[in-house]
C-alpha atoms as a PDB file:
ATOM      1  CA  MET A   1      96.856  84.953  83.118  1.00  0.00           C
ATOM      2  CA  ARG A   2      98.289  83.513  80.219  1.00  0.00           C
ATOM      3  CA  VAL A   3      96.964  79.985  80.536  1.00  0.00           C
ATOM      4  CA  ASP A   4      93.403  81.147  81.111  1.00  0.00           C
ATOM      5  CA  ALA A   5      93.363  83.031  78.200  1.00  0.00           C
ATOM      6  CA  TYR A   6      94.539  80.243  75.952  1.00  0.00           C
ATOM      7  CA  ARG A   7      91.870  78.109  77.693  1.00  0.00           C
ATOM      8  CA  LEU A   8      89.063  80.403  77.009  1.00  0.00           C
ATOM      9  CA  LYS A   9      90.169  80.842  73.554  1.00  0.00           C
ATOM     10  CA  LYS A  10      90.019  76.873  72.914  1.00  0.00           C
ATOM     11  CA  GLY A  11      86.485  76.976  73.874  1.00  0.00           C
ATOM     12  CA  ASP A  12      86.355  74.188  76.360  1.00  0.00           C
ATOM     13  CA  LYS A  13      83.185  73.861  78.373  1.00  0.00           C
ATOM     14  CA  GLU A  14      84.798  73.487  81.722  1.00  0.00           C
ATOM     15  CA  ASP A  15      86.670  76.655  81.571  1.00  0.00           C
ATOM     16  CA  ASP A  16      83.416  78.394  80.287  1.00  0.00           C
ATOM     17  CA  GLU A  17      81.678  77.349  83.694  1.00  0.00           C
ATOM     18  CA  ILE A  18      84.815  78.401  85.754  1.00  0.00           C
ATOM     19  CA  SER A  19      84.621  81.907  84.090  1.00  0.00           C
ATOM     20  CA  GLU A  20      81.021  82.352  85.029  1.00  0.00           C
ATOM     21  CA  ALA A  21      81.424  81.217  88.634  1.00  0.00           C
ATOM     22  CA  GLU A  22      80.660  83.918  91.239  1.00  0.00           C
ATOM     23  CA  ILE A  23      82.625  84.311  94.314  1.00  0.00           C
ATOM     24  CA  GLU A  24      81.340  86.181  97.238  1.00  0.00           C
ATOM     25  CA  ILE A  25      83.976  87.817  99.679  1.00  0.00           C
ATOM     26  CA  ASP A  26      82.447  88.332 102.979  1.00  0.00           C
ATOM     27  CA  ASN A  27      83.713  90.196 106.185  1.00  0.00           C
ATOM     28  CA  SER A  28      85.475  87.081 107.678  1.00  0.00           C
ATOM     29  CA  PHE A  29      87.704  86.939 104.519  1.00  0.00           C
ATOM     30  CA  PHE A  30      88.963  90.408 105.367  1.00  0.00           C
ATOM     31  CA  LYS A  31      89.407  89.543 109.081  1.00  0.00           C
ATOM     32  CA  ARG A  32      91.141  86.361 108.537  1.00  0.00           C
ATOM     33  CA  LYS A  33      93.158  86.610 105.361  1.00  0.00           C
ATOM     34  CA  PHE A  34      93.351  90.240 103.814  1.00  0.00           C
ATOM     35  CA  VAL A  35      94.022  92.089 106.857  1.00  0.00           C
ATOM     36  CA  PRO A  36      96.704  90.086 108.156  1.00  0.00           C
ATOM     37  CA  ALA A  37      98.404  89.763 104.777  1.00  0.00           C
ATOM     38  CA  VAL A  38      98.471  93.704 104.344  1.00  0.00           C
ATOM     39  CA  HIS A  39      99.873  94.040 107.856  1.00  0.00           C
ATOM     40  CA  GLN A  40     102.595  91.738 107.512  1.00  0.00           C
ATOM     41  CA  THR A  41     103.381  93.270 104.136  1.00  0.00           C
ATOM     42  CA  MET A  42     103.288  97.038 106.012  1.00  0.00           C
ATOM     43  CA  VAL A  43     105.281  96.115 108.993  1.00  0.00           C
ATOM     44  CA  ALA A  44     108.003  94.475 106.956  1.00  0.00           C
ATOM     45  CA  SER A  45     108.576  97.848 105.337  1.00  0.00           C
ATOM     46  CA  LEU A  46     109.001  99.691 108.814  1.00  0.00           C
ATOM     47  CA  SER A  47     111.778  99.657 111.126  1.00  0.00           C
ATOM     48  CA  ASN A  48     111.285  98.130 114.387  1.00  0.00           C
ATOM     49  CA  SER A  49     110.887 101.254 116.514  1.00  0.00           C
ATOM     50  CA  ASP A  50     107.907 102.320 114.125  1.00  0.00           C
ATOM     51  CA  VAL A  51     106.022  98.893 114.267  1.00  0.00           C
ATOM     52  CA  PRO A  52     104.348  99.586 117.799  1.00  0.00           C
ATOM     53  CA  LEU A  53     102.960 103.065 116.599  1.00  0.00           C
ATOM     54  CA  PHE A  54     101.937 101.450 113.422  1.00  0.00           C
ATOM     55  CA  ASN A  55     100.097  98.832 115.208  1.00  0.00           C
ATOM     56  CA  LEU A  56      98.336 101.716 117.449  1.00  0.00           C
ATOM     57  CA  PHE A  57      97.071 103.458 114.512  1.00  0.00           C
ATOM     58  CA  LEU A  58      95.749 100.490 112.623  1.00  0.00           C
ATOM     59  CA  SER A  59      93.916  98.841 115.808  1.00  0.00           C
ATOM     60  CA  LEU A  60      92.434 102.475 116.369  1.00  0.00           C
ATOM     61  CA  ARG A  61      91.059 102.516 112.993  1.00  0.00           C
ATOM     62  CA  LEU A  62      89.881  99.115 112.865  1.00  0.00           C
ATOM     63  CA  ALA A  63      88.012  99.676 116.038  1.00  0.00           C
ATOM     64  CA  HIS A  64      86.363 102.689 114.645  1.00  0.00           C
ATOM     65  CA  THR A  65      85.590 100.872 111.356  1.00  0.00           C
ATOM     66  CA  TYR A  66      83.800  97.798 113.241  1.00  0.00           C
ATOM     67  CA  LYS A  67      82.311 100.436 115.726  1.00  0.00           C
ATOM     68  CA  ALA A  68      84.016  99.067 118.585  1.00  0.00           C
ATOM     69  CA  ILE A  69      84.884 102.771 119.678  1.00  0.00           C
ATOM     70  CA  SER A  70      83.116 105.952 119.067  1.00  0.00           C
ATOM     71  CA  ALA A  71      84.612 108.813 116.946  1.00  0.00           C
ATOM     72  CA  LEU A  72      85.245 110.705 120.315  1.00  0.00           C
ATOM     73  CA  GLU A  73      87.275 107.916 121.568  1.00  0.00           C
ATOM     74  CA  HIS A  74      89.249 107.599 118.093  1.00  0.00           C
END
């Protein structure tokens, strides 16, 4: 963060162009990168006996979110 702030203060054209760049995050980012990273972090804090229950709840929640199951099945 400090490096970016320093470069922006200098007024380099390259840094100005980078700071104006727009990034679009689509659903595939969450499926491929974000959800696995959060899952790994959450599972690391659980005991081994609680991991299967956590996976069940998470899979039901994601299935409901992506409309793979109905509210009655959830």
